[in-house]
């Protein structure tokens, strides 16, 4: 019995939780939740300050319902981010609201998957 309990606890802790897959338009309704946003990248923009990269999905700023955000400290982890424009991708993480817009902060290249 102990072995079964031990194996079951190992399987449950070793299996990552699967995030729900949503569209960019649905993202604003999932603030605070761990999800995967799947859609086409409309525009990749490097802020004039050089401190932030924005990956807009579902429209161009300011009309995009969802944005992936990469801060300068993590930019080197995403060397081909500009190549994402026009491609369908998944972005996984926790949805946050910033100035009324839904976003996921990207700090690991594994958060982006090209379809």
C-alpha atoms as a PDB file:
ATOM      1  CA  UNK A   1       0.000   0.000   0.000  1.00  0.00           C
ATOM      2  CA  UNK A   2       2.837   2.381   0.877  1.00  0.00           C
ATOM      3  CA  UNK A   3       4.462   1.830  -2.518  1.00  0.00           C
ATOM      4  CA  UNK A   4       1.207   2.641  -4.327  1.00  0.00           C
ATOM      5  CA  UNK A   5       0.782   5.862  -2.356  1.00  0.00           C
ATOM      6  CA  UNK A   6       4.406   6.800  -2.952  1.00  0.00           C
ATOM      7  CA  UNK A   7       4.157   6.113  -6.704  1.00  0.00           C
ATOM      8  CA  UNK A   8       0.873   7.996  -6.967  1.00  0.00           C
ATOM      9  CA  UNK A   9       2.298  11.035  -5.181  1.00  0.00           C
ATOM     10  CA  UNK A  10       5.357  10.970  -7.480  1.00  0.00           C
ATOM     11  CA  UNK A  11       3.205  10.846 -10.629  1.00  0.00           C
ATOM     12  CA  UNK A  12       0.995  13.668  -9.418  1.00  0.00           C
ATOM     13  CA  UNK A  13       3.934  15.932  -8.567  1.00  0.00           C
ATOM     14  CA  UNK A  14       5.942  15.049 -11.682  1.00  0.00           C
ATOM     15  CA  UNK A  15       3.105  15.804 -14.094  1.00  0.00           C
ATOM     16  CA  UNK A  16       2.816  19.538 -14.821  1.00  0.00           C
ATOM     17  CA  UNK A  17      -0.620  21.068 -14.781  1.00  0.00           C
ATOM     18  CA  UNK A  18      -1.980  21.546 -18.264  1.00  0.00           C
ATOM     19  CA  UNK A  19      -2.971  25.107 -18.987  1.00  0.00           C
ATOM     20  CA  UNK A  20      -6.263  25.812 -20.737  1.00  0.00           C
ATOM     21  CA  UNK A  21      -5.778  27.019 -24.325  1.00  0.00           C
ATOM     22  CA  UNK A  22      -7.627  30.227 -25.213  1.00  0.00           C
ATOM     23  CA  UNK A  23      -7.680  32.783 -28.022  1.00  0.00           C
ATOM     24  CA  UNK A  24      -6.198  36.282 -27.701  1.00  0.00           C
ATOM     25  CA  UNK A  25      -9.749  37.700 -27.575  1.00  0.00           C
ATOM     26  CA  UNK A  26     -10.553  35.523 -24.542  1.00  0.00           C
ATOM     27  CA  UNK A  27      -7.426  36.557 -22.622  1.00  0.00           C
ATOM     28  CA  UNK A  28      -8.952  39.588 -20.827  1.00  0.00           C
ATOM     29  CA  UNK A  29     -11.484  37.221 -19.207  1.00  0.00           C
ATOM     30  CA  UNK A  30      -8.755  35.019 -17.689  1.00  0.00           C
ATOM     31  CA  UNK A  31      -6.748  37.505 -15.590  1.00  0.00           C
ATOM     32  CA  UNK A  32      -4.970  35.709 -12.767  1.00  0.00           C
ATOM     33  CA  UNK A  33      -5.174  32.318 -14.474  1.00  0.00           C
ATOM     34  CA  UNK A  34      -2.415  30.126 -15.913  1.00  0.00           C
ATOM     35  CA  UNK A  35      -3.353  29.622 -19.579  1.00  0.00           C
ATOM     36  CA  UNK A  36      -1.951  29.114 -23.052  1.00  0.00           C
ATOM     37  CA  UNK A  37      -2.900  31.843 -25.511  1.00  0.00           C
ATOM     38  CA  UNK A  38      -2.847  30.559 -29.092  1.00  0.00           C
ATOM     39  CA  UNK A  39      -2.990  32.863 -32.086  1.00  0.00           C
ATOM     40  CA  UNK A  40      -1.178  34.678 -34.862  1.00  0.00           C
ATOM     41  CA  UNK A  41       1.424  37.280 -33.953  1.00  0.00           C
ATOM     42  CA  UNK A  42       0.216  40.551 -35.422  1.00  0.00           C
ATOM     43  CA  UNK A  43       3.249  42.671 -34.549  1.00  0.00           C
ATOM     44  CA  UNK A  44       6.528  42.471 -32.619  1.00  0.00           C
ATOM     45  CA  UNK A  45       7.545  45.890 -31.318  1.00  0.00           C
ATOM     46  CA  UNK A  46      10.725  46.975 -29.549  1.00  0.00           C
ATOM     47  CA  UNK A  47       9.937  49.941 -27.307  1.00  0.00           C
ATOM     48  CA  UNK A  48      11.917  53.090 -28.083  1.00  0.00           C
ATOM     49  CA  UNK A  49      13.478  52.860 -24.634  1.00  0.00           C
ATOM     50  CA  UNK A  50      14.891  49.440 -25.518  1.00  0.00           C
ATOM     51  CA  UNK A  51      13.599  48.132 -22.216  1.00  0.00           C
ATOM     52  CA  UNK A  52      10.591  46.136 -23.454  1.00  0.00           C
ATOM     53  CA  UNK A  53       9.566  43.963 -26.395  1.00  0.00           C
ATOM     54  CA  UNK A  54       5.854  43.542 -27.115  1.00  0.00           C
ATOM     55  CA  UNK A  55       4.354  40.577 -28.980  1.00  0.00           C
ATOM     56  CA  UNK A  56       0.839  41.608 -30.024  1.00  0.00           C
ATOM     57  CA  UNK A  57      -1.735  38.965 -30.870  1.00  0.00           C
ATOM     58  CA  UNK A  58      -5.254  39.500 -32.197  1.00  0.00           C
ATOM     59  CA  UNK A  59      -4.568  43.025 -33.489  1.00  0.00           C
ATOM     60  CA  UNK A  60      -2.027  45.813 -33.325  1.00  0.00           C
ATOM     61  CA  UNK A  61      -1.508  48.044 -30.323  1.00  0.00           C
ATOM     62  CA  UNK A  62      -3.628  49.701 -29.000  1.00  0.00           C
ATOM     63  CA  UNK A  63      -6.311  47.372 -30.378  1.00  0.00           C
ATOM     64  CA  UNK A  64      -4.703  44.043 -29.497  1.00  0.00           C
ATOM     65  CA  UNK A  65      -6.588  42.117 -26.811  1.00  0.00           C
ATOM     66  CA  UNK A  66      -3.425  40.304 -25.709  1.00  0.00           C
ATOM     67  CA  UNK A  67       0.321  40.995 -25.560  1.00  0.00           C
ATOM     68  CA  UNK A  68       3.339  38.940 -24.583  1.00  0.00           C
ATOM     69  CA  UNK A  69       5.869  41.166 -22.798  1.00  0.00           C
ATOM     70  CA  UNK A  70       9.634  40.631 -22.635  1.00  0.00           C
ATOM     71  CA  UNK A  71      11.694  42.920 -20.417  1.00  0.00           C
ATOM     72  CA  UNK A  72      15.305  43.841 -21.291  1.00  0.00           C
ATOM     73  CA  UNK A  73      16.784  41.552 -18.619  1.00  0.00           C
ATOM     74  CA  UNK A  74      15.257  38.544 -20.398  1.00  0.00           C
ATOM     75  CA  UNK A  75      15.545  39.701 -24.035  1.00  0.00           C
ATOM     76  CA  UNK A  76      18.672  37.618 -24.698  1.00  0.00           C
ATOM     77  CA  UNK A  77      16.589  34.483 -24.048  1.00  0.00           C
ATOM     78  CA  UNK A  78      14.503  35.321 -27.137  1.00  0.00           C
ATOM     79  CA  UNK A  79      17.095  35.934 -29.907  1.00  0.00           C
ATOM     80  CA  UNK A  80      14.669  35.335 -32.801  1.00  0.00           C
ATOM     81  CA  UNK A  81      11.621  37.102 -31.399  1.00  0.00           C
ATOM     82  CA  UNK A  82      11.238  39.250 -34.549  1.00  0.00           C
ATOM     83  CA  UNK A  83      10.794  36.059 -36.606  1.00  0.00           C
ATOM     84  CA  UNK A  84       7.515  35.386 -34.766  1.00  0.00           C
ATOM     85  CA  UNK A  85       5.628  38.096 -36.647  1.00  0.00           C
ATOM     86  CA  UNK A  86       2.926  36.500 -38.806  1.00  0.00           C
ATOM     87  CA  UNK A  87       3.345  33.059 -37.222  1.00  0.00           C
ATOM     88  CA  UNK A  88       0.836  31.188 -35.091  1.00  0.00           C
ATOM     89  CA  UNK A  89       2.249  30.591 -31.621  1.00  0.00           C
ATOM     90  CA  UNK A  90       1.315  29.537 -28.108  1.00  0.00           C
ATOM     91  CA  UNK A  91       2.286  31.707 -25.150  1.00  0.00           C
ATOM     92  CA  UNK A  92       1.892  30.089 -21.733  1.00  0.00           C
ATOM     93  CA  UNK A  93       1.847  31.854 -18.396  1.00  0.00           C
ATOM     94  CA  UNK A  94      -0.313  33.746 -15.949  1.00  0.00           C
ATOM     95  CA  UNK A  95      -2.493  36.468 -17.466  1.00  0.00           C
ATOM     96  CA  UNK A  96      -2.035  39.868 -15.849  1.00  0.00           C
ATOM     97  CA  UNK A  97      -3.911  43.083 -16.506  1.00  0.00           C
ATOM     98  CA  UNK A  98      -1.924  46.228 -17.282  1.00  0.00           C
ATOM     99  CA  UNK A  99      -3.787  49.422 -18.096  1.00  0.00           C
ATOM    100  CA  UNK A 100      -6.881  47.429 -19.019  1.00  0.00           C
ATOM    101  CA  UNK A 101      -5.038  45.044 -21.367  1.00  0.00           C
ATOM    102  CA  UNK A 102      -4.255  41.338 -20.910  1.00  0.00           C
ATOM    103  CA  UNK A 103      -0.618  40.279 -20.970  1.00  0.00           C
ATOM    104  CA  UNK A 104       1.767  37.505 -20.010  1.00  0.00           C
ATOM    105  CA  UNK A 105       5.278  38.400 -18.886  1.00  0.00           C
ATOM    106  CA  UNK A 106       7.800  36.191 -20.690  1.00  0.00           C
ATOM    107  CA  UNK A 107      11.003  35.283 -18.885  1.00  0.00           C
ATOM    108  CA  UNK A 108      11.682  31.820 -20.328  1.00  0.00           C
ATOM    109  CA  UNK A 109      11.870  30.824 -24.011  1.00  0.00           C
ATOM    110  CA  UNK A 110       9.871  27.681 -23.156  1.00  0.00           C
ATOM    111  CA  UNK A 111       6.813  29.904 -22.677  1.00  0.00           C
ATOM    112  CA  UNK A 112       6.609  30.357 -26.462  1.00  0.00           C
ATOM    113  CA  UNK A 113       5.880  27.508 -28.835  1.00  0.00           C
ATOM    114  CA  UNK A 114       5.661  27.997 -32.612  1.00  0.00           C
ATOM    115  CA  UNK A 115       2.823  26.012 -34.175  1.00  0.00           C
END
